[in-house]
């Protein structure tokens, strides 16, 4: 839910931008790594809460996928994340 909440006001995100935004809260956790955050985004996509908006290669020729929150994703955040925890 933290990933989805982070995406709420963003046009698009990728794994690195989400991790940068959440590093202060989750950076010390064992599961705070690129593979796990890609898995989070793919699970959100599989459930219709985000969609891939574009992709490109970075300077090291690694694939970078960009995601945008869907209306269902916004409704999920509205329903389950209390206003005081919203990213604003």
PDB file of N, CA and C in Angstrom:
ATOM      1  N   UNK A   1       0.831  -1.192   0.000  1.00  0.00           N
ATOM      2  CA  UNK A   1       0.000   0.000   0.000  1.00  0.00           C
ATOM      3  C   UNK A   1       0.875   1.254   0.000  1.00  0.00           C
ATOM      4  N   UNK A   2       2.066   1.175   0.605  1.00  0.00           N
ATOM      5  CA  UNK A   2       2.957   2.341   0.635  1.00  0.00           C
ATOM      6  C   UNK A   2       3.368   2.743  -0.777  1.00  0.00           C
ATOM      7  N   UNK A   3       3.608   1.758  -1.636  1.00  0.00           N
ATOM      8  CA  UNK A   3       3.981   2.057  -3.020  1.00  0.00           C
ATOM      9  C   UNK A   3       2.822   2.750  -3.725  1.00  0.00           C
ATOM     10  N   UNK A   4       1.639   2.216  -3.572  1.00  0.00           N
ATOM     11  CA  UNK A   4       0.463   2.805  -4.211  1.00  0.00           C
ATOM     12  C   UNK A   4       0.194   4.205  -3.678  1.00  0.00           C
ATOM     13  N   UNK A   5       0.316   4.387  -2.387  1.00  0.00           N
ATOM     14  CA  UNK A   5       0.134   5.699  -1.785  1.00  0.00           C
ATOM     15  C   UNK A   5       1.165   6.686  -2.333  1.00  0.00           C
ATOM     16  N   UNK A   6       2.402   6.235  -2.509  1.00  0.00           N
ATOM     17  CA  UNK A   6       3.453   7.085  -3.056  1.00  0.00           C
ATOM     18  C   UNK A   6       3.130   7.526  -4.484  1.00  0.00           C
ATOM     19  N   UNK A   7       2.462   6.681  -5.221  1.00  0.00           N
ATOM     20  CA  UNK A   7       2.151   6.965  -6.626  1.00  0.00           C
ATOM     21  C   UNK A   7       0.967   7.898  -6.810  1.00  0.00           C
ATOM     22  N   UNK A   8       0.179   8.104  -5.779  1.00  0.00           N
ATOM     23  CA  UNK A   8      -1.109   8.791  -5.886  1.00  0.00           C
ATOM     24  C   UNK A   8      -1.024  10.120  -6.642  1.00  0.00           C
ATOM     25  N   UNK A   9      -0.062  10.955  -6.341  1.00  0.00           N
ATOM     26  CA  UNK A   9       0.049  12.268  -6.979  1.00  0.00           C
ATOM     27  C   UNK A   9       1.156  12.356  -8.027  1.00  0.00           C
ATOM     28  N   UNK A  10       1.740  11.229  -8.374  1.00  0.00           N
ATOM     29  CA  UNK A  10       2.824  11.214  -9.364  1.00  0.00           C
ATOM     30  C   UNK A  10       2.272  10.865 -10.739  1.00  0.00           C
ATOM     31  N   UNK A  11       2.822  11.494 -11.765  1.00  0.00           N
ATOM     32  CA  UNK A  11       2.408  11.165 -13.122  1.00  0.00           C
ATOM     33  C   UNK A  11       2.880   9.761 -13.483  1.00  0.00           C
ATOM     34  N   UNK A  12       4.161   9.487 -13.288  1.00  0.00           N
ATOM     35  CA  UNK A  12       4.709   8.148 -13.485  1.00  0.00           C
ATOM     36  C   UNK A  12       5.829   7.920 -12.478  1.00  0.00           C
ATOM     37  N   UNK A  13       6.096   6.645 -12.209  1.00  0.00           N
ATOM     38  CA  UNK A  13       7.194   6.258 -11.327  1.00  0.00           C
ATOM     39  C   UNK A  13       7.903   5.055 -11.931  1.00  0.00           C
ATOM     40  N   UNK A  14       9.099   4.796 -11.440  1.00  0.00           N
ATOM     41  CA  UNK A  14       9.790   3.555 -11.744  1.00  0.00           C
ATOM     42  C   UNK A  14      10.319   3.000 -10.428  1.00  0.00           C
ATOM     43  N   UNK A  15      10.935   1.850 -10.466  1.00  0.00           N
ATOM     44  CA  UNK A  15      11.407   1.215  -9.235  1.00  0.00           C
ATOM     45  C   UNK A  15      12.330   2.154  -8.459  1.00  0.00           C
ATOM     46  N   UNK A  16      13.274   2.763  -9.142  1.00  0.00           N
ATOM     47  CA  UNK A  16      14.239   3.624  -8.447  1.00  0.00           C
ATOM     48  C   UNK A  16      13.580   4.845  -7.818  1.00  0.00           C
ATOM     49  N   UNK A  17      12.632   5.464  -8.516  1.00  0.00           N
ATOM     50  CA  UNK A  17      12.001   6.661  -7.954  1.00  0.00           C
ATOM     51  C   UNK A  17      11.130   6.315  -6.743  1.00  0.00           C
ATOM     52  N   UNK A  18      10.456   5.174  -6.777  1.00  0.00           N
ATOM     53  CA  UNK A  18       9.657   4.746  -5.629  1.00  0.00           C
ATOM     54  C   UNK A  18      10.571   4.448  -4.444  1.00  0.00           C
ATOM     55  N   UNK A  19      11.669   3.745  -4.707  1.00  0.00           N
ATOM     56  CA  UNK A  19      12.588   3.413  -3.625  1.00  0.00           C
ATOM     57  C   UNK A  19      13.217   4.668  -3.031  1.00  0.00           C
ATOM     58  N   UNK A  20      13.571   5.627  -3.867  1.00  0.00           N
ATOM     59  CA  UNK A  20      14.117   6.885  -3.360  1.00  0.00           C
ATOM     60  C   UNK A  20      13.120   7.580  -2.432  1.00  0.00           C
ATOM     61  N   UNK A  21      11.856   7.582  -2.826  1.00  0.00           N
ATOM     62  CA  UNK A  21      10.826   8.252  -2.035  1.00  0.00           C
ATOM     63  C   UNK A  21      10.542   7.532  -0.713  1.00  0.00           C
ATOM     64  N   UNK A  22      10.694   6.212  -0.692  1.00  0.00           N
ATOM     65  CA  UNK A  22      10.352   5.430   0.495  1.00  0.00           C
ATOM     66  C   UNK A  22      11.567   5.042   1.346  1.00  0.00           C
ATOM     67  N   UNK A  23      12.747   5.428   0.908  1.00  0.00           N
ATOM     68  CA  UNK A  23      13.989   5.042   1.590  1.00  0.00           C
ATOM     69  C   UNK A  23      14.005   5.442   3.069  1.00  0.00           C
ATOM     70  N   UNK A  24      13.550   6.631   3.388  1.00  0.00           N
ATOM     71  CA  UNK A  24      13.575   7.099   4.786  1.00  0.00           C
ATOM     72  C   UNK A  24      12.745   6.198   5.702  1.00  0.00           C
ATOM     73  N   UNK A  25      11.638   5.680   5.201  1.00  0.00           N
ATOM     74  CA  UNK A  25      10.753   4.848   6.023  1.00  0.00           C
ATOM     75  C   UNK A  25      11.107   3.368   5.994  1.00  0.00           C
ATOM     76  N   UNK A  26      11.604   2.869   4.862  1.00  0.00           N
ATOM     77  CA  UNK A  26      11.776   1.424   4.701  1.00  0.00           C
ATOM     78  C   UNK A  26      13.194   0.999   4.324  1.00  0.00           C
ATOM     79  N   UNK A  27      14.107   1.927   4.191  1.00  0.00           N
ATOM     80  CA  UNK A  27      15.445   1.639   3.686  1.00  0.00           C
ATOM     81  C   UNK A  27      16.258   0.654   4.496  1.00  0.00           C
ATOM     82  N   UNK A  28      15.959   0.470   5.762  1.00  0.00           N
ATOM     83  CA  UNK A  28      16.725  -0.457   6.600  1.00  0.00           C
ATOM     84  C   UNK A  28      16.160  -1.869   6.608  1.00  0.00           C
ATOM     85  N   UNK A  29      15.056  -2.083   5.911  1.00  0.00           N
ATOM     86  CA  UNK A  29      14.442  -3.410   5.902  1.00  0.00           C
ATOM     87  C   UNK A  29      15.165  -4.326   4.917  1.00  0.00           C
ATOM     88  N   UNK A  30      15.232  -5.608   5.249  1.00  0.00           N
ATOM     89  CA  UNK A  30      15.907  -6.594   4.402  1.00  0.00           C
ATOM     90  C   UNK A  30      15.281  -6.671   3.007  1.00  0.00           C
ATOM     91  N   UNK A  31      13.988  -6.486   2.911  1.00  0.00           N
ATOM     92  CA  UNK A  31      13.292  -6.594   1.632  1.00  0.00           C
ATOM     93  C   UNK A  31      13.336  -5.308   0.809  1.00  0.00           C
ATOM     94  N   UNK A  32      14.066  -4.311   1.274  1.00  0.00           N
ATOM     95  CA  UNK A  32      14.170  -3.053   0.539  1.00  0.00           C
ATOM     96  C   UNK A  32      15.253  -3.201  -0.530  1.00  0.00           C
ATOM     97  N   UNK A  33      14.835  -3.770  -1.678  1.00  0.00           N
ATOM     98  CA  UNK A  33      15.753  -3.951  -2.803  1.00  0.00           C
ATOM     99  C   UNK A  33      14.964  -3.866  -4.104  1.00  0.00           C
ATOM    100  N   UNK A  34      15.667  -3.655  -5.172  1.00  0.00           N
ATOM    101  CA  UNK A  34      15.029  -3.432  -6.482  1.00  0.00           C
ATOM    102  C   UNK A  34      14.148  -4.595  -6.915  1.00  0.00           C
ATOM    103  N   UNK A  35      14.597  -5.821  -6.687  1.00  0.00           N
ATOM    104  CA  UNK A  35      13.801  -6.978  -7.100  1.00  0.00           C
ATOM    105  C   UNK A  35      12.445  -6.992  -6.392  1.00  0.00           C
ATOM    106  N   UNK A  36      12.451  -6.738  -5.097  1.00  0.00           N
ATOM    107  CA  UNK A  36      11.185  -6.757  -4.350  1.00  0.00           C
ATOM    108  C   UNK A  36      10.258  -5.619  -4.781  1.00  0.00           C
ATOM    109  N   UNK A  37      10.837  -4.445  -5.039  1.00  0.00           N
ATOM    110  CA  UNK A  37       9.993  -3.323  -5.445  1.00  0.00           C
ATOM    111  C   UNK A  37       9.466  -3.502  -6.861  1.00  0.00           C
ATOM    112  N   UNK A  38      10.219  -4.161  -7.717  1.00  0.00           N
ATOM    113  CA  UNK A  38       9.681  -4.518  -9.033  1.00  0.00           C
ATOM    114  C   UNK A  38       8.531  -5.494  -8.847  1.00  0.00           C
ATOM    115  N   UNK A  39       8.702  -6.465  -7.959  1.00  0.00           N
ATOM    116  CA  UNK A  39       7.613  -7.410  -7.673  1.00  0.00           C
ATOM    117  C   UNK A  39       6.372  -6.679  -7.167  1.00  0.00           C
ATOM    118  N   UNK A  40       6.551  -5.679  -6.303  1.00  0.00           N
ATOM    119  CA  UNK A  40       5.412  -4.898  -5.810  1.00  0.00           C
ATOM    120  C   UNK A  40       4.676  -4.224  -6.967  1.00  0.00           C
ATOM    121  N   UNK A  41       5.435  -3.581  -7.853  1.00  0.00           N
ATOM    122  CA  UNK A  41       4.814  -2.887  -8.987  1.00  0.00           C
ATOM    123  C   UNK A  41       4.122  -3.868  -9.928  1.00  0.00           C
ATOM    124  N   UNK A  42       4.734  -5.017 -10.161  1.00  0.00           N
ATOM    125  CA  UNK A  42       4.115  -6.019 -11.035  1.00  0.00           C
ATOM    126  C   UNK A  42       2.831  -6.572 -10.410  1.00  0.00           C
ATOM    127  N   UNK A  43       2.818  -6.759  -9.095  1.00  0.00           N
ATOM    128  CA  UNK A  43       1.599  -7.222  -8.417  1.00  0.00           C
ATOM    129  C   UNK A  43       0.497  -6.170  -8.502  1.00  0.00           C
ATOM    130  N   UNK A  44       0.867  -4.901  -8.310  1.00  0.00           N
ATOM    131  CA  UNK A  44      -0.119  -3.827  -8.452  1.00  0.00           C
ATOM    132  C   UNK A  44      -0.665  -3.778  -9.875  1.00  0.00           C
ATOM    133  N   UNK A  45       0.212  -3.999 -10.860  1.00  0.00           N
ATOM    134  CA  UNK A  45      -0.226  -4.020 -12.256  1.00  0.00           C
ATOM    135  C   UNK A  45      -1.162  -5.204 -12.509  1.00  0.00           C
ATOM    136  N   UNK A  46      -0.822  -6.370 -11.997  1.00  0.00           N
ATOM    137  CA  UNK A  46      -1.653  -7.564 -12.189  1.00  0.00           C
ATOM    138  C   UNK A  46      -3.044  -7.396 -11.590  1.00  0.00           C
ATOM    139  N   UNK A  47      -3.152  -6.560 -10.568  1.00  0.00           N
ATOM    140  CA  UNK A  47      -4.443  -6.314  -9.922  1.00  0.00           C
ATOM    141  C   UNK A  47      -5.155  -5.085 -10.459  1.00  0.00           C
ATOM    142  N   UNK A  48      -4.615  -4.480 -11.512  1.00  0.00           N
ATOM    143  CA  UNK A  48      -5.283  -3.354 -12.155  1.00  0.00           C
ATOM    144  C   UNK A  48      -5.160  -2.030 -11.424  1.00  0.00           C
ATOM    145  N   UNK A  49      -4.235  -1.937 -10.466  1.00  0.00           N
ATOM    146  CA  UNK A  49      -4.106  -0.713  -9.687  1.00  0.00           C
ATOM    147  C   UNK A  49      -3.094   0.262 -10.282  1.00  0.00           C
ATOM    148  N   UNK A  50      -2.177  -0.242 -11.099  1.00  0.00           N
ATOM    149  CA  UNK A  50      -1.238   0.591 -11.862  1.00  0.00           C
ATOM    150  C   UNK A  50      -1.134  -0.006 -13.256  1.00  0.00           C
ATOM    151  N   UNK A  51      -0.600   0.789 -14.180  1.00  0.00           N
ATOM    152  CA  UNK A  51      -0.372   0.283 -15.533  1.00  0.00           C
ATOM    153  C   UNK A  51       0.964   0.802 -16.032  1.00  0.00           C
ATOM    154  N   UNK A  52       1.630  -0.003 -16.866  1.00  0.00           N
ATOM    155  CA  UNK A  52       2.887   0.443 -17.432  1.00  0.00           C
ATOM    156  C   UNK A  52       2.595   1.558 -18.425  1.00  0.00           C
ATOM    157  N   UNK A  53       3.281   2.673 -18.270  1.00  0.00           N
ATOM    158  CA  UNK A  53       3.046   3.811 -19.161  1.00  0.00           C
ATOM    159  C   UNK A  53       4.128   3.946 -20.215  1.00  0.00           C
ATOM    160  N   UNK A  54       5.337   3.487 -19.912  1.00  0.00           N
ATOM    161  CA  UNK A  54       6.421   3.522 -20.893  1.00  0.00           C
ATOM    162  C   UNK A  54       7.590   2.703 -20.366  1.00  0.00           C
ATOM    163  N   UNK A  55       8.576   2.533 -21.219  1.00  0.00           N
ATOM    164  CA  UNK A  55       9.807   1.851 -20.813  1.00  0.00           C
ATOM    165  C   UNK A  55      10.952   2.365 -21.675  1.00  0.00           C
ATOM    166  N   UNK A  56      12.145   2.243 -21.149  1.00  0.00           N
ATOM    167  CA  UNK A  56      13.329   2.659 -21.887  1.00  0.00           C
ATOM    168  C   UNK A  56      14.547   1.954 -21.299  1.00  0.00           C
ATOM    169  N   UNK A  57      15.696   2.179 -21.904  1.00  0.00           N
ATOM    170  CA  UNK A  57      16.947   1.653 -21.381  1.00  0.00           C
ATOM    171  C   UNK A  57      17.697   2.782 -20.698  1.00  0.00           C
ATOM    172  N   UNK A  58      18.286   2.480 -19.535  1.00  0.00           N
ATOM    173  CA  UNK A  58      19.083   3.495 -18.857  1.00  0.00           C
ATOM    174  C   UNK A  58      20.491   3.535 -19.448  1.00  0.00           C
ATOM    175  N   UNK A  59      21.368   4.317 -18.847  1.00  0.00           N
ATOM    176  CA  UNK A  59      22.719   4.486 -19.374  1.00  0.00           C
ATOM    177  C   UNK A  59      23.541   3.200 -19.333  1.00  0.00           C
ATOM    178  N   UNK A  60      23.109   2.215 -18.539  1.00  0.00           N
ATOM    179  CA  UNK A  60      23.806   0.925 -18.464  1.00  0.00           C
ATOM    180  C   UNK A  60      23.072  -0.156 -19.255  1.00  0.00           C
ATOM    181  N   UNK A  61      22.139   0.263 -20.108  1.00  0.00           N
ATOM    182  CA  UNK A  61      21.323  -0.634 -20.923  1.00  0.00           C
ATOM    183  C   UNK A  61      20.432  -1.564 -20.095  1.00  0.00           C
ATOM    184  N   UNK A  62      20.044  -1.125 -18.907  1.00  0.00           N
ATOM    185  CA  UNK A  62      19.064  -1.854 -18.102  1.00  0.00           C
ATOM    186  C   UNK A  62      17.666  -1.346 -18.452  1.00  0.00           C
ATOM    187  N   UNK A  63      16.724  -2.262 -18.527  1.00  0.00           N
ATOM    188  CA  UNK A  63      15.343  -1.896 -18.805  1.00  0.00           C
ATOM    189  C   UNK A  63      14.748  -1.155 -17.619  1.00  0.00           C
ATOM    190  N   UNK A  64      14.140   0.005 -17.886  1.00  0.00           N
ATOM    191  CA  UNK A  64      13.466   0.794 -16.856  1.00  0.00           C
ATOM    192  C   UNK A  64      12.004   0.923 -17.272  1.00  0.00           C
ATOM    193  N   UNK A  65      11.113   0.392 -16.433  1.00  0.00           N
ATOM    194  CA  UNK A  65       9.682   0.442 -16.724  1.00  0.00           C
ATOM    195  C   UNK A  65       9.049   1.534 -15.875  1.00  0.00           C
ATOM    196  N   UNK A  66       8.185   2.323 -16.493  1.00  0.00           N
ATOM    197  CA  UNK A  66       7.505   3.429 -15.821  1.00  0.00           C
ATOM    198  C   UNK A  66       6.029   3.067 -15.672  1.00  0.00           C
ATOM    199  N   UNK A  67       5.496   3.343 -14.493  1.00  0.00           N
ATOM    200  CA  UNK A  67       4.116   2.985 -14.172  1.00  0.00           C
ATOM    201  C   UNK A  67       3.323   4.206 -13.745  1.00  0.00           C
ATOM    202  N   UNK A  68       2.026   4.170 -14.034  1.00  0.00           N
ATOM    203  CA  UNK A  68       1.090   5.213 -13.617  1.00  0.00           C
ATOM    204  C   UNK A  68      -0.045   4.550 -12.838  1.00  0.00           C
ATOM    205  N   UNK A  69      -0.533   5.228 -11.828  1.00  0.00           N
ATOM    206  CA  UNK A  69      -1.651   4.710 -11.038  1.00  0.00           C
ATOM    207  C   UNK A  69      -2.930   4.800 -11.875  1.00  0.00           C
ATOM    208  N   UNK A  70      -3.800   3.824 -11.726  1.00  0.00           N
ATOM    209  CA  UNK A  70      -5.078   3.823 -12.426  1.00  0.00           C
ATOM    210  C   UNK A  70      -6.154   4.424 -11.522  1.00  0.00           C
ATOM    211  N   UNK A  71      -7.327   4.615 -12.075  1.00  0.00           N
ATOM    212  CA  UNK A  71      -8.445   5.107 -11.258  1.00  0.00           C
ATOM    213  C   UNK A  71      -8.785   4.111 -10.144  1.00  0.00           C
ATOM    214  N   UNK A  72      -8.721   2.816 -10.446  1.00  0.00           N
ATOM    215  CA  UNK A  72      -8.944   1.813  -9.402  1.00  0.00           C
ATOM    216  C   UNK A  72      -7.896   1.938  -8.298  1.00  0.00           C
ATOM    217  N   UNK A  73      -6.662   2.232  -8.691  1.00  0.00           N
ATOM    218  CA  UNK A  73      -5.604   2.442  -7.708  1.00  0.00           C
ATOM    219  C   UNK A  73      -5.889   3.645  -6.831  1.00  0.00           C
ATOM    220  N   UNK A  74      -6.352   4.732  -7.442  1.00  0.00           N
ATOM    221  CA  UNK A  74      -6.700   5.928  -6.666  1.00  0.00           C
ATOM    222  C   UNK A  74      -7.850   5.642  -5.691  1.00  0.00           C
ATOM    223  N   UNK A  75      -8.851   4.916  -6.169  1.00  0.00           N
ATOM    224  CA  UNK A  75      -9.981   4.572  -5.302  1.00  0.00           C
ATOM    225  C   UNK A  75      -9.532   3.690  -4.141  1.00  0.00           C
ATOM    226  N   UNK A  76      -8.574   2.806  -4.391  1.00  0.00           N
ATOM    227  CA  UNK A  76      -8.052   1.941  -3.335  1.00  0.00           C
ATOM    228  C   UNK A  76      -7.352   2.769  -2.265  1.00  0.00           C
ATOM    229  N   UNK A  77      -6.526   3.713  -2.672  1.00  0.00           N
ATOM    230  CA  UNK A  77      -5.856   4.594  -1.707  1.00  0.00           C
ATOM    231  C   UNK A  77      -6.897   5.400  -0.946  1.00  0.00           C
ATOM    232  N   UNK A  78      -7.867   5.960  -1.661  1.00  0.00           N
ATOM    233  CA  UNK A  78      -8.917   6.744  -1.001  1.00  0.00           C
ATOM    234  C   UNK A  78      -9.661   5.917   0.049  1.00  0.00           C
ATOM    235  N   UNK A  79      -9.889   4.648  -0.256  1.00  0.00           N
ATOM    236  CA  UNK A  79     -10.663   3.789   0.633  1.00  0.00           C
ATOM    237  C   UNK A  79      -9.857   3.291   1.841  1.00  0.00           C
ATOM    238  N   UNK A  80      -8.581   2.955   1.626  1.00  0.00           N
ATOM    239  CA  UNK A  80      -7.832   2.252   2.665  1.00  0.00           C
ATOM    240  C   UNK A  80      -6.739   3.062   3.375  1.00  0.00           C
ATOM    241  N   UNK A  81      -6.362   4.213   2.846  1.00  0.00           N
ATOM    242  CA  UNK A  81      -5.310   4.997   3.485  1.00  0.00           C
ATOM    243  C   UNK A  81      -5.929   6.228   4.129  1.00  0.00           C
ATOM    244  N   UNK A  82      -5.839   6.288   5.448  1.00  0.00           N
ATOM    245  CA  UNK A  82      -6.357   7.427   6.175  1.00  0.00           C
ATOM    246  C   UNK A  82      -5.678   8.699   5.690  1.00  0.00           C
ATOM    247  N   UNK A  83      -6.420   9.792   5.671  1.00  0.00           N
ATOM    248  CA  UNK A  83      -5.920  11.068   5.163  1.00  0.00           C
ATOM    249  C   UNK A  83      -4.615  11.496   5.836  1.00  0.00           C
ATOM    250  N   UNK A  84      -4.467  11.214   7.119  1.00  0.00           N
ATOM    251  CA  UNK A  84      -3.252  11.645   7.817  1.00  0.00           C
ATOM    252  C   UNK A  84      -1.997  10.903   7.355  1.00  0.00           C
ATOM    253  N   UNK A  85      -2.164   9.788   6.639  1.00  0.00           N
ATOM    254  CA  UNK A  85      -1.021   9.045   6.124  1.00  0.00           C
ATOM    255  C   UNK A  85      -0.795   9.257   4.634  1.00  0.00           C
ATOM    256  N   UNK A  86      -1.626  10.078   4.029  1.00  0.00           N
ATOM    257  CA  UNK A  86      -1.486  10.340   2.595  1.00  0.00           C
ATOM    258  C   UNK A  86      -0.230  11.120   2.318  1.00  0.00           C
ATOM    259  N   UNK A  87       0.385  10.817   1.231  1.00  0.00           N
ATOM    260  CA  UNK A  87       1.556  11.551   0.790  1.00  0.00           C
ATOM    261  C   UNK A  87       1.072  12.845   0.127  1.00  0.00           C
ATOM    262  N   UNK A  88       1.410  13.957   0.674  1.00  0.00           N
ATOM    263  CA  UNK A  88       1.010  15.257   0.103  1.00  0.00           C
ATOM    264  C   UNK A  88       2.172  16.214   0.155  1.00  0.00           C
TER     265      UNK A  88
END
